[in-house]
Amino acid sequence: GSLPGQTSQLQTPRSSLSIPRADMSQGEVLIEVPQTLFREKVVEVPTICTQELVRAVPKVEVHEIIKEVPKIEYQVTERVVEVPEVRYVEKIVEVPEVHTQEIVRTVPKIEVQ
């Protein structure tokens, strides 16, 4: 068998052998008749077999899709707000307070008899 795309040729060299010879012994005459001998020889003939190779290579395409995202910007304005501040200040106030205290005095007692 041969592979697809390859061919093989057979070359057959021909050779003939013709040697007449006579042999006269015993009354028989031998005459050699030329015979053709065919010999087959296999000869490989190179044949180019082309095959197509398909290789898939990714082709990169960039498509821009615009998505809106809010960008926060701060605008600073100054505003004065009065905040009450409570301060405690101690003030001394005299409050009259009554203390009762017993004082023992010795007074001479006069007795009349």
Protein backbone atom coordinates (compact mmCIF):
# COMPACT_ATOMS: atom_id res chain seq x y z
CA GLY A 1 0.00 0.00 0.00
CA SER A 2 0.98 3.56 -0.54
CA LEU A 3 0.00 6.58 1.52
CA PRO A 4 -2.52 9.10 0.18
CA GLY A 5 -0.76 11.62 -1.98
CA GLN A 6 2.19 9.31 -2.65
CA THR A 7 2.71 7.20 -5.71
CA SER A 8 5.16 4.44 -6.24
CA GLN A 9 6.44 3.24 -9.56
CA LEU A 10 7.68 -0.17 -10.33
CA GLN A 11 10.63 -0.40 -12.69
CA THR A 12 11.23 -3.72 -14.21
CA PRO A 13 14.67 -4.17 -15.67
CA ARG A 14 14.66 -6.68 -18.45
CA SER A 15 17.49 -9.03 -19.07
CA SER A 16 17.52 -11.81 -21.56
CA LEU A 17 19.74 -14.80 -21.42
CA SER A 18 20.48 -16.41 -24.73
CA ILE A 19 23.29 -18.92 -24.82
CA PRO A 20 22.70 -21.68 -27.32
CA ARG A 21 24.50 -24.77 -26.34
CA ALA A 22 24.41 -28.12 -27.93
CA ASP A 23 25.16 -31.27 -26.08
CA MET A 24 25.63 -34.35 -28.23
CA SER A 25 25.92 -37.12 -25.81
CA GLN A 26 23.57 -40.10 -26.06
CA GLY A 27 21.75 -38.98 -29.11
CA GLU A 28 19.74 -36.36 -27.42
CA VAL A 29 20.11 -32.86 -28.54
CA LEU A 30 19.71 -30.21 -25.91
CA ILE A 31 19.05 -26.83 -27.28
CA GLU A 32 18.70 -24.10 -24.83
CA VAL A 33 15.88 -21.80 -25.67
CA PRO A 34 16.30 -18.24 -24.62
CA GLN A 35 13.88 -17.24 -21.87
CA THR A 36 13.13 -13.79 -20.64
CA LEU A 37 13.32 -13.34 -16.87
CA PHE A 38 11.52 -10.41 -15.34
CA ARG A 39 12.55 -9.13 -11.95
CA GLU A 40 10.55 -6.40 -10.18
CA LYS A 41 12.32 -3.82 -8.12
CA VAL A 42 10.55 -1.28 -5.90
CA VAL A 43 11.90 2.23 -6.26
CA GLU A 44 10.45 4.96 -4.05
CA VAL A 45 9.85 8.21 -5.83
CA PRO A 46 9.62 11.24 -3.50
CA THR A 47 6.35 13.08 -3.91
CA ILE A 48 5.47 16.36 -2.19
CA CYS A 49 2.25 16.13 -0.26
CA THR A 50 0.95 19.51 0.89
CA GLN A 51 -1.47 19.88 3.77
CA GLU A 52 -3.01 23.05 5.06
CA LEU A 53 -2.57 23.74 8.75
CA VAL A 54 -5.08 26.14 10.26
CA ARG A 55 -4.02 27.67 13.55
CA ALA A 56 -6.55 29.82 15.40
CA VAL A 57 -4.86 32.90 16.85
CA PRO A 58 -7.00 35.41 18.76
CA LYS A 59 -7.26 38.83 17.17
CA VAL A 60 -7.69 41.39 19.91
CA GLU A 61 -10.16 44.16 19.20
CA VAL A 62 -10.74 46.88 21.76
CA HIS A 63 -14.21 48.40 21.96
CA GLU A 64 -14.57 51.30 24.36
CA ILE A 65 -17.78 51.36 26.36
CA ILE A 66 -18.36 54.64 28.18
CA LYS A 67 -19.91 54.27 31.62
CA GLU A 68 -20.64 57.40 33.57
CA VAL A 69 -19.51 57.35 37.17
CA PRO A 70 -20.21 60.33 39.44
CA LYS A 71 -17.09 62.24 40.38
CA ILE A 72 -17.60 63.95 43.71
CA GLU A 73 -16.16 67.44 44.02
CA TYR A 74 -16.45 69.30 47.30
CA GLN A 75 -17.01 73.05 47.37
CA VAL A 76 -16.14 74.37 50.78
CA THR A 77 -18.02 77.42 52.06
CA GLU A 78 -17.41 78.84 55.50
CA ARG A 79 -20.39 79.59 57.72
CA VAL A 80 -20.26 80.93 61.26
CA VAL A 81 -22.64 79.22 63.64
CA GLU A 82 -22.82 80.35 67.26
CA VAL A 83 -22.70 77.48 69.62
CA PRO A 84 -23.57 78.21 73.28
CA GLU A 85 -20.74 77.57 75.63
CA VAL A 86 -21.66 77.13 79.25
CA ARG A 87 -19.11 78.32 81.78
CA TYR A 88 -19.58 77.83 85.46
CA VAL A 89 -18.10 80.54 87.66
CA GLU A 90 -18.19 80.16 91.41
CA LYS A 91 -19.29 83.20 93.31
CA ILE A 92 -19.13 83.59 97.05
CA VAL A 93 -22.35 84.71 98.66
CA GLU A 94 -22.61 85.02 102.44
CA VAL A 95 -25.66 83.34 103.76
CA PRO A 96 -26.61 84.13 107.39
CA GLU A 97 -26.68 81.03 109.45
CA VAL A 98 -27.83 80.85 113.01
CA HIS A 99 -25.82 78.79 115.39
CA THR A 100 -27.04 78.29 118.87
CA GLN A 101 -24.52 77.81 121.48
CA GLU A 102 -24.97 77.62 125.15
CA ILE A 103 -22.66 79.56 127.19
CA VAL A 104 -22.54 78.84 130.86
CA ARG A 105 -21.94 81.85 132.94
CA THR A 106 -21.58 81.82 136.52
CA VAL A 107 -23.52 84.50 138.11
CA PRO A 108 -23.46 84.93 141.85
CA LYS A 109 -26.80 84.19 143.30
CA ILE A 110 -27.74 86.23 146.23
CA GLU A 111 -29.77 84.62 148.91
CA VAL A 112 -31.39 86.49 151.59
CA GLN A 113 -31.97 84.79 154.88
